[in-house]
Amino acid sequence: MRIRIELVTFVILCEVLSACGGDRTDKEGKKASPSAPAAAPAPPPANAASFHVNATPADMVKVNARLENSVELLGYTISAQSVAPGNPVTVTWYWKARSVTSGKWEYFTHLIDATGTHVSGLNSSGPMRAVYKPEMWPVGQIIKDEERIVVPADWSSPLLELRTGLWSGSSRMKVTRGSADEENRVKGPAIQVSVSAPVVAPPPPTDAGAIDVPFARKAPKIDGVIDGDPAWADGLELEPFTDTLTGGPVPRTTRVRLLWDNRFLYIAMSAQDVWLRSHFTKRDEELWKEDAFEVFLDPGADGKDYFEFQVSPAGVLFDATFPEYRKGEDGWNSDVVAAVKTQGTLNDETPDEGWTAEMAIPLKNLEKGGVAAAVDTIIGANFFRVDMAERSAMYSGWSPPMRGDFHALDRFGHIRLVKN
């Protein structure tokens, strides 16, 4: 009996010591941190206002990623699209707090090579990141976050992609909207690295002049079926699509044909695709975040105002007019007609073969600045494909922009409407 009493006393004593802050272990046997009262949020730094801006710059590449619906990464600008190993590049991120952020979070930026491998990273580097934490941000204020990144001298990949986000302890703040990878990191810019020789952008496919789009003797039927429609036998077939960042080959082909008549510009697209993905169901949703075919048109090829059209393998449409670079009006309706056919099953796990799409874009809705589509009209144009693979996206296009910007008007090719 005495032994039992002493044992009970010993157990109680251990529990008392534990409650007073002695080392404890969790159910997995790991040493747990002693409990402590929650600390009050740290005040913002004295120079906090120097990181505040009233608006994002016009040349910002939009990201619009949300992290747990508390923080938003609006976008970024970058000082160079190509850099040599050992040299610096500056990326400026633009953040905003959607609500008060609880907890203590740090920033990270990871450097990813062309194979998707995480090579190196930075934590809380840069003047803003070092002193101004998300829990200090005023709700609704845009935060300018300038980060200087030196490409490692031994970097051997022709591509450097940046990923960023917030972390605390062993977890990262979850990305609930926007383009993120499987490691819960927001996708940032992709930078060309001149590892052996300078990256030389291939010329746009029409540097020697505009490519002629033939007049349709008979309008194609817009039903998503290309093969067997005699109208497309006369269509202009564009050169094979290439990687949008490198101009190199891509593993899955995309073919595009063009025709026109007095009412429409007709576009046919056929694509190999092993993993058909698109969950969007409403017009003008962010189709480019999953499988999509994109068309950019600049009537008059003046490099100023332009149009964008997209269709997904689910047959959902996006259209927008851009009076200025990247200043879009997606509430505009072009009256574009489109149809798709899939060779496989959308959004399941079985292998697929591809998909086809046809579009008829009304020429009357492309008139702007006195440019009316007629014989000999020249139109700046580019065509892109977003192909979501199981672990990453593949971006290909007719005239590769050689940077992460489909709106690169200086890289558009030229097409001319002609009659045979």
Protein backbone atom coordinates (compact mmCIF):
# COMPACT_ATOMS: atom_id res chain seq x y z
CA MET A 1 0.00 0.00 0.00
CA ARG A 2 2.85 2.41 0.86
CA ILE A 3 4.47 1.73 -2.52
CA ARG A 4 1.20 2.49 -4.32
CA ILE A 5 0.73 5.77 -2.39
CA GLU A 6 4.29 6.88 -3.17
CA LEU A 7 3.80 6.05 -6.88
CA VAL A 8 0.59 8.10 -7.05
CA THR A 9 2.34 10.99 -5.30
CA PHE A 10 5.23 10.81 -7.80
CA VAL A 11 2.81 10.91 -10.78
CA ILE A 12 0.97 13.91 -9.35
CA LEU A 13 4.27 15.69 -8.70
CA CYS A 14 5.35 15.09 -12.32
CA GLU A 15 2.09 16.54 -13.62
CA VAL A 16 2.49 19.60 -11.44
CA LEU A 17 6.04 20.17 -12.71
CA SER A 18 4.86 19.72 -16.28
CA ALA A 19 2.09 22.25 -15.82
CA CYS A 20 4.61 24.74 -14.45
CA GLY A 21 6.68 24.68 -17.60
CA GLY A 22 8.81 21.55 -17.42
CA ASP A 23 9.69 19.78 -20.71
CA ARG A 24 6.79 17.81 -22.16
CA THR A 25 6.50 15.51 -25.13
CA ASP A 26 3.60 15.25 -27.55
CA LYS A 27 1.91 12.02 -28.57
CA GLU A 28 4.56 11.46 -31.24
CA GLY A 29 7.36 11.67 -28.69
CA LYS A 30 8.59 15.06 -29.90
CA LYS A 31 9.56 17.64 -27.32
CA ALA A 32 6.83 20.29 -27.15
CA SER A 33 7.42 23.94 -26.48
CA PRO A 34 6.28 25.24 -23.09
CA SER A 35 3.04 27.16 -23.20
CA ALA A 36 3.25 30.93 -22.88
CA PRO A 37 0.81 33.82 -22.97
CA ALA A 38 0.09 35.12 -26.46
CA ALA A 39 2.31 38.09 -27.24
CA ALA A 40 0.80 41.35 -28.46
CA PRO A 41 1.41 42.07 -32.16
CA ALA A 42 4.61 43.99 -32.78
CA PRO A 43 4.10 47.61 -33.86
CA PRO A 44 4.89 48.52 -37.47
CA PRO A 45 8.37 49.90 -38.13
CA ALA A 46 8.96 53.63 -38.14
CA ASN A 47 9.53 53.57 -41.90
CA ALA A 48 6.35 51.60 -42.70
CA ALA A 49 4.93 54.40 -44.84
CA SER A 50 7.90 54.11 -47.22
CA PHE A 51 6.55 50.73 -48.33
CA HIS A 52 3.01 52.00 -48.98
CA VAL A 53 1.78 52.84 -52.49
CA ASN A 54 -1.59 54.13 -53.64
CA ALA A 55 -1.77 52.02 -56.80
CA THR A 56 0.10 49.28 -58.64
CA PRO A 57 2.23 50.26 -61.66
CA ALA A 58 0.87 49.93 -65.18
CA ASP A 59 3.54 47.41 -66.17
CA MET A 60 2.82 45.08 -63.26
CA VAL A 61 2.26 41.46 -64.22
CA LYS A 62 -0.94 40.46 -62.44
CA VAL A 63 -0.94 37.41 -60.15
CA ASN A 64 -4.03 38.02 -57.96
CA ALA A 65 -3.19 35.15 -55.62
CA ARG A 66 -4.91 34.88 -52.25
CA LEU A 67 -3.37 33.25 -49.22
CA GLU A 68 -6.01 31.94 -46.81
CA ASN A 69 -8.23 34.85 -47.95
CA SER A 70 -6.20 37.03 -45.59
CA VAL A 71 -3.34 38.22 -47.79
CA GLU A 72 -3.31 38.93 -51.52
CA LEU A 73 -0.30 39.01 -53.84
CA LEU A 74 -1.47 41.39 -56.57
CA GLY A 75 1.47 40.98 -58.95
CA TYR A 76 5.07 41.91 -59.64
CA THR A 77 7.47 43.84 -61.84
CA ILE A 78 10.95 42.64 -62.72
CA SER A 79 14.06 44.55 -63.70
CA ALA A 80 15.26 42.14 -66.42
CA GLN A 81 13.92 39.20 -68.39
CA SER A 82 17.38 37.71 -68.92
CA VAL A 83 20.38 37.61 -66.60
CA ALA A 84 23.75 35.86 -66.39
CA PRO A 85 24.81 33.64 -63.46
CA GLY A 86 26.33 35.66 -60.65
CA ASN A 87 24.36 38.79 -61.57
CA PRO A 88 21.43 40.38 -59.73
CA VAL A 89 17.84 40.85 -60.76
CA THR A 90 15.26 42.87 -58.82
CA VAL A 91 11.67 41.70 -58.48
CA THR A 92 9.14 44.00 -56.84
CA TRP A 93 6.12 42.26 -55.38
CA TYR A 94 2.86 44.06 -54.57
CA TRP A 95 0.89 42.73 -51.59
CA LYS A 96 -2.32 43.72 -49.84
CA ALA A 97 -3.94 42.62 -46.58
CA ARG A 98 -7.58 41.67 -47.12
CA SER A 99 -8.12 41.28 -43.36
CA VAL A 100 -6.10 41.40 -40.17
CA THR A 101 -3.47 38.64 -40.33
CA SER A 102 -3.10 36.62 -37.15
CA GLY A 103 0.08 34.86 -36.13
CA LYS A 104 3.68 35.55 -37.00
CA TRP A 105 4.57 34.94 -40.62
CA GLU A 106 7.84 35.18 -42.52
CA TYR A 107 8.44 35.56 -46.26
CA PHE A 108 10.19 33.13 -48.57
CA THR A 109 11.30 33.17 -52.20
CA HIS A 110 12.49 29.96 -53.85
CA LEU A 111 14.63 29.69 -56.98
CA ILE A 112 13.42 26.87 -59.27
CA ASP A 113 15.25 25.56 -62.34
CA ALA A 114 13.80 24.39 -65.66
CA THR A 115 13.24 20.85 -64.33
CA GLY A 116 11.10 22.14 -61.45
CA THR A 117 13.85 21.51 -58.87
CA HIS A 118 14.15 23.84 -55.89
CA VAL A 119 17.79 24.95 -56.10
CA SER A 120 18.04 27.70 -53.48
CA GLY A 121 15.95 30.20 -51.59
CA LEU A 122 15.78 33.37 -49.54
CA ASN A 123 13.87 34.03 -46.33
CA SER A 124 12.68 37.52 -45.42
CA SER A 125 15.29 39.21 -47.61
CA GLY A 126 14.87 42.80 -48.75
CA PRO A 127 14.17 46.08 -46.96
CA MET A 128 10.42 45.51 -46.52
CA ARG A 129 10.55 41.83 -45.66
CA ALA A 130 13.19 42.35 -42.98
CA VAL A 131 11.08 44.69 -40.84
CA TYR A 132 7.43 44.79 -41.98
CA LYS A 133 5.52 41.57 -41.31
CA PRO A 134 2.01 40.79 -42.64
CA GLU A 135 0.38 41.07 -39.21
CA MET A 136 1.50 44.73 -39.16
CA TRP A 137 -0.08 45.71 -42.50
CA PRO A 138 -3.11 48.04 -42.52
CA VAL A 139 -6.09 46.32 -44.13
CA GLY A 140 -6.53 47.44 -47.74
CA GLN A 141 -3.10 49.07 -48.05
CA ILE A 142 -0.93 48.09 -51.05
CA ILE A 143 2.57 47.10 -49.89
CA LYS A 144 5.61 47.47 -52.17
CA ASP A 145 8.10 44.68 -51.57
CA GLU A 146 11.41 45.05 -53.42
CA GLU A 147 13.63 41.99 -53.43
CA ARG A 148 17.13 41.82 -54.95
CA ILE A 149 18.03 38.31 -56.06
CA VAL A 150 21.53 37.31 -57.14
CA VAL A 151 21.52 34.34 -59.49
CA PRO A 152 23.95 31.76 -58.07
CA ALA A 153 27.27 31.80 -59.92
CA ASP A 154 27.03 28.05 -60.53
CA TRP A 155 23.45 28.20 -61.89
CA SER A 156 23.34 25.76 -64.83
CA SER A 157 19.71 25.90 -65.98
CA PRO A 158 18.58 28.17 -68.85
CA LEU A 159 15.53 29.11 -66.79
CA LEU A 160 15.04 30.48 -63.28
CA GLU A 161 11.50 30.56 -61.92
CA LEU A 162 10.57 32.32 -58.69
CA ARG A 163 8.08 31.03 -56.14
CA THR A 164 7.03 33.02 -53.10
CA GLY A 165 4.73 32.87 -50.11
CA LEU A 166 4.51 33.04 -46.32
CA TRP A 167 5.64 30.49 -43.75
CA SER A 168 5.48 30.01 -40.01
CA GLY A 169 7.15 27.14 -38.21
CA SER A 170 6.65 24.02 -40.29
CA SER A 171 3.69 25.28 -42.34
CA ARG A 172 3.03 27.65 -45.22
CA MET A 173 0.05 29.96 -45.55
CA LYS A 174 -2.31 28.14 -47.90
CA VAL A 175 -2.83 29.56 -51.39
CA THR A 176 -6.61 29.58 -51.85
CA ARG A 177 -6.75 31.36 -55.21
CA GLY A 178 -4.33 31.97 -58.03
CA SER A 179 -1.50 30.11 -59.70
CA ALA A 180 0.37 27.94 -57.20
CA ASP A 181 2.49 24.81 -57.45
CA GLU A 182 2.11 21.51 -55.64
CA GLU A 183 4.33 22.82 -52.82
CA ASN A 184 1.84 25.60 -51.99
CA ARG A 185 4.03 28.36 -53.43
CA VAL A 186 2.72 31.24 -55.56
CA LYS A 187 4.21 31.22 -59.06
CA GLY A 188 6.19 34.34 -59.89
CA PRO A 189 8.26 35.36 -62.92
CA ALA A 190 10.33 33.06 -65.12
CA ILE A 191 13.72 34.51 -66.05
CA GLN A 192 16.03 33.45 -68.85
CA VAL A 193 19.57 32.67 -67.65
CA SER A 194 22.42 32.91 -70.15
CA VAL A 195 24.33 29.88 -68.90
CA SER A 196 26.58 29.45 -71.93
CA ALA A 197 25.61 32.07 -74.48
CA PRO A 198 23.14 34.94 -74.47
CA VAL A 199 19.56 33.92 -75.05
CA VAL A 200 18.59 35.25 -78.47
CA ALA A 201 14.87 35.55 -79.10
CA PRO A 202 13.80 34.10 -82.44
CA PRO A 203 12.24 36.75 -84.66
CA PRO A 204 8.46 36.92 -84.86
CA PRO A 205 7.27 34.57 -87.61
CA THR A 206 6.29 37.47 -89.85
CA ASP A 207 9.38 39.67 -89.70
CA ALA A 208 9.70 39.37 -93.47
CA GLY A 209 6.11 40.49 -93.95
CA ALA A 210 2.55 39.56 -93.14
CA ILE A 211 1.25 36.04 -93.75
CA ASP A 212 -1.80 35.85 -96.01
CA VAL A 213 -5.07 34.48 -94.64
CA PRO A 214 -7.22 33.16 -97.53
CA PHE A 215 -10.84 34.06 -98.13
CA ALA A 216 -13.24 31.19 -97.40
CA ARG A 217 -15.02 29.87 -100.48
CA LYS A 218 -17.43 28.29 -98.04
CA ALA A 219 -17.76 29.11 -94.36
CA PRO A 220 -16.68 26.29 -92.04
CA LYS A 221 -19.27 24.78 -89.75
CA ILE A 222 -18.49 25.81 -86.16
CA ASP A 223 -19.05 22.52 -84.38
CA GLY A 224 -15.58 21.67 -83.05
CA VAL A 225 -14.99 19.10 -85.79
CA ILE A 226 -12.13 20.11 -88.10
CA ASP A 227 -11.25 16.96 -90.01
CA GLY A 228 -13.77 16.29 -92.74
CA ASP A 229 -14.85 19.92 -93.10
CA PRO A 230 -13.78 20.86 -96.68
CA ALA A 231 -13.62 24.56 -95.80
CA TRP A 232 -10.46 24.05 -93.74
CA ALA A 233 -8.58 22.53 -96.68
CA ASP A 234 -8.00 26.11 -97.90
CA GLY A 235 -7.02 27.49 -94.51
CA LEU A 236 -3.67 28.99 -93.62
CA GLU A 237 -1.84 26.62 -91.25
CA LEU A 238 0.50 28.37 -88.84
CA GLU A 239 3.95 27.15 -87.91
CA PRO A 240 4.18 24.67 -85.01
CA PHE A 241 3.83 26.14 -81.53
CA THR A 242 7.00 26.49 -79.42
CA ASP A 243 7.81 27.13 -75.77
CA THR A 244 6.79 30.68 -74.87
CA LEU A 245 9.92 31.32 -72.77
CA THR A 246 12.65 29.63 -74.77
CA GLY A 247 11.33 29.29 -78.33
CA GLY A 248 12.25 25.61 -78.12
CA PRO A 249 10.16 22.57 -78.98
CA VAL A 250 7.33 21.32 -76.75
CA PRO A 251 6.32 17.67 -76.28
CA ARG A 252 2.68 18.06 -77.36
CA THR A 253 1.70 19.70 -80.62
CA THR A 254 -0.82 22.46 -81.31
CA ARG A 255 -1.98 23.29 -84.83
CA VAL A 256 -3.92 26.38 -85.86
CA ARG A 257 -5.61 27.26 -89.18
CA LEU A 258 -7.12 30.57 -90.29
CA LEU A 259 -9.79 31.65 -92.79
CA TRP A 260 -11.95 34.72 -93.20
CA ASP A 261 -14.96 36.02 -95.09
CA ASN A 262 -16.90 39.26 -95.10
CA ARG A 263 -18.34 38.57 -91.64
CA PHE A 264 -15.91 36.50 -89.60
CA LEU A 265 -12.33 35.57 -88.90
CA TYR A 266 -12.37 31.78 -88.51
CA ILE A 267 -9.87 29.92 -86.33
CA ALA A 268 -9.43 26.17 -85.92
CA MET A 269 -7.19 24.63 -83.24
CA SER A 270 -6.25 21.01 -82.66
CA ALA A 271 -4.14 19.98 -79.69
CA GLN A 272 -2.55 16.88 -78.25
CA ASP A 273 -3.34 16.65 -74.54
CA VAL A 274 -2.83 13.74 -72.17
CA TRP A 275 -4.64 15.30 -69.19
CA LEU A 276 -7.69 17.44 -69.99
CA ARG A 277 -8.42 19.91 -67.20
CA SER A 278 -10.88 22.79 -66.93
CA HIS A 279 -13.32 23.32 -64.08
CA PHE A 280 -14.54 26.78 -65.09
CA THR A 281 -18.20 27.07 -66.06
CA LYS A 282 -18.91 30.82 -66.40
CA ARG A 283 -18.02 33.20 -69.21
CA ASP A 284 -14.99 35.43 -68.57
CA GLU A 285 -13.67 33.34 -65.69
CA GLU A 286 -9.88 32.90 -65.43
CA LEU A 287 -9.69 30.17 -68.05
CA TRP A 288 -5.92 30.56 -68.47
CA LYS A 289 -5.34 28.88 -65.10
CA GLU A 290 -6.22 25.50 -66.64
CA ASP A 291 -6.26 24.09 -70.20
CA ALA A 292 -7.11 26.85 -72.66
CA PHE A 293 -6.57 28.15 -76.19
CA GLU A 294 -5.89 31.91 -76.42
CA VAL A 295 -6.10 34.34 -79.34
CA PHE A 296 -4.76 37.91 -79.34
CA LEU A 297 -5.65 40.31 -82.18
CA ASP A 298 -4.38 43.83 -82.80
CA PRO A 299 -6.31 45.28 -85.79
CA GLY A 300 -4.09 47.62 -87.73
CA ALA A 301 -1.04 46.15 -85.96
CA ASP A 302 -0.42 49.49 -84.24
CA GLY A 303 0.83 47.91 -81.00
CA LYS A 304 -1.66 49.88 -78.91
CA ASP A 305 -5.18 48.56 -78.39
CA TYR A 306 -6.01 44.90 -78.89
CA PHE A 307 -8.43 42.04 -78.15
CA GLU A 308 -8.15 38.70 -76.35
CA PHE A 309 -10.30 35.60 -76.87
CA GLN A 310 -10.10 32.28 -75.04
CA VAL A 311 -11.93 28.98 -75.12
CA SER A 312 -11.53 26.04 -72.75
CA PRO A 313 -12.02 22.33 -73.53
CA ALA A 314 -15.27 22.68 -71.59
CA GLY A 315 -16.47 25.17 -74.24
CA VAL A 316 -16.40 28.15 -71.87
CA LEU A 317 -15.49 31.52 -73.42
CA PHE A 318 -13.48 34.53 -72.33
CA ASP A 319 -13.25 37.79 -74.32
CA ALA A 320 -11.86 41.20 -73.46
CA THR A 321 -10.84 44.42 -75.14
CA PHE A 322 -7.67 46.24 -74.09
CA PRO A 323 -7.64 50.00 -74.83
CA GLU A 324 -4.17 50.05 -73.28
CA TYR A 325 -1.52 47.48 -72.43
CA ARG A 326 -2.98 45.05 -69.87
CA LYS A 327 -5.85 47.40 -69.03
CA GLY A 328 -8.67 45.10 -70.02
CA GLU A 329 -12.44 45.39 -70.11
CA ASP A 330 -13.65 41.80 -69.76
CA GLY A 331 -17.29 42.89 -69.52
CA TRP A 332 -17.17 43.51 -73.26
CA ASN A 333 -18.97 40.91 -75.39
CA SER A 334 -17.50 40.17 -78.81
CA ASP A 335 -20.33 37.87 -79.96
CA VAL A 336 -17.66 35.26 -80.73
CA VAL A 337 -19.03 31.82 -81.53
CA ALA A 338 -17.02 28.75 -80.52
CA ALA A 339 -17.37 24.99 -80.25
CA VAL A 340 -15.06 22.27 -78.94
CA LYS A 341 -14.66 18.50 -79.08
CA THR A 342 -12.60 16.49 -76.61
CA GLN A 343 -10.79 13.26 -77.33
CA GLY A 344 -11.00 12.00 -73.79
CA THR A 345 -12.92 12.76 -70.62
CA LEU A 346 -12.58 16.13 -68.97
CA ASN A 347 -11.41 16.32 -65.32
CA ASP A 348 -10.93 12.62 -64.64
CA GLU A 349 -7.79 10.54 -64.08
CA THR A 350 -7.85 8.48 -67.27
CA PRO A 351 -5.39 9.34 -70.08
CA ASP A 352 -6.69 11.61 -72.84
CA GLU A 353 -5.66 12.25 -76.44
CA GLY A 354 -6.48 15.91 -77.03
CA TRP A 355 -9.11 18.42 -78.04
CA THR A 356 -10.19 20.61 -80.94
CA ALA A 357 -11.80 24.05 -81.05
CA GLU A 358 -13.32 26.31 -83.70
CA MET A 359 -14.00 30.03 -83.33
CA ALA A 360 -15.80 32.57 -85.50
CA ILE A 361 -14.92 36.14 -84.47
CA PRO A 362 -17.19 38.86 -85.93
CA LEU A 363 -15.05 41.31 -87.91
CA LYS A 364 -17.44 44.18 -87.20
CA ASN A 365 -16.59 43.93 -83.52
CA LEU A 366 -12.89 44.34 -84.24
CA GLU A 367 -13.30 47.81 -85.78
CA LYS A 368 -11.49 50.40 -83.73
CA GLY A 369 -9.51 53.51 -84.44
CA GLY A 370 -10.85 53.59 -88.00
CA VAL A 371 -9.50 50.11 -88.79
CA ALA A 372 -12.12 48.05 -90.60
CA ALA A 373 -11.34 44.46 -91.53
CA ALA A 374 -11.38 44.19 -95.33
CA VAL A 375 -9.15 42.98 -98.14
CA ASP A 376 -5.46 43.70 -97.40
CA THR A 377 -6.14 44.58 -93.75
CA ILE A 378 -3.12 43.69 -91.61
CA ILE A 379 -3.78 42.41 -88.09
CA GLY A 380 -1.23 41.85 -85.36
CA ALA A 381 -1.87 38.41 -83.94
CA ASN A 382 -0.63 35.77 -81.57
CA PHE A 383 -1.97 32.41 -80.47
CA PHE A 384 -1.22 30.48 -77.29
CA ARG A 385 -2.00 27.23 -75.59
CA VAL A 386 -2.06 26.49 -71.86
CA ASP A 387 -1.61 22.77 -71.24
CA MET A 388 -1.95 21.61 -67.65
CA ALA A 389 0.08 18.48 -67.01
CA GLU A 390 -0.18 16.47 -63.82
CA ARG A 391 2.43 18.48 -61.91
CA SER A 392 3.07 21.61 -63.97
CA ALA A 393 1.80 23.71 -66.86
CA MET A 394 3.21 23.87 -70.38
CA TYR A 395 2.86 27.17 -72.24
CA SER A 396 3.33 27.27 -76.00
CA GLY A 397 2.61 29.79 -78.71
CA TRP A 398 2.92 30.76 -82.36
CA SER A 399 5.33 33.64 -81.75
CA PRO A 400 7.04 33.02 -78.38
CA PRO A 401 7.22 36.22 -76.29
CA MET A 402 10.46 34.97 -74.65
CA ARG A 403 9.14 36.23 -71.34
CA GLY A 404 6.21 35.46 -69.09
CA ASP A 405 3.81 37.82 -70.83
CA PHE A 406 1.27 36.76 -73.46
CA HIS A 407 0.46 40.47 -73.95
CA ALA A 408 3.93 41.16 -75.40
CA LEU A 409 2.70 43.19 -78.40
CA ASP A 410 6.21 43.57 -79.78
CA ARG A 411 6.30 39.81 -80.33
CA PHE A 412 3.02 39.55 -82.23
CA GLY A 413 3.15 38.27 -85.78
CA HIS A 414 1.21 39.86 -88.66
CA ILE A 415 -1.55 38.34 -90.75
CA ARG A 416 -3.15 39.88 -93.87
CA LEU A 417 -6.70 39.29 -95.10
CA VAL A 418 -6.57 38.50 -98.81
CA LYS A 419 -8.84 37.18 -101.53
CA ASN A 420 -7.58 34.41 -103.75
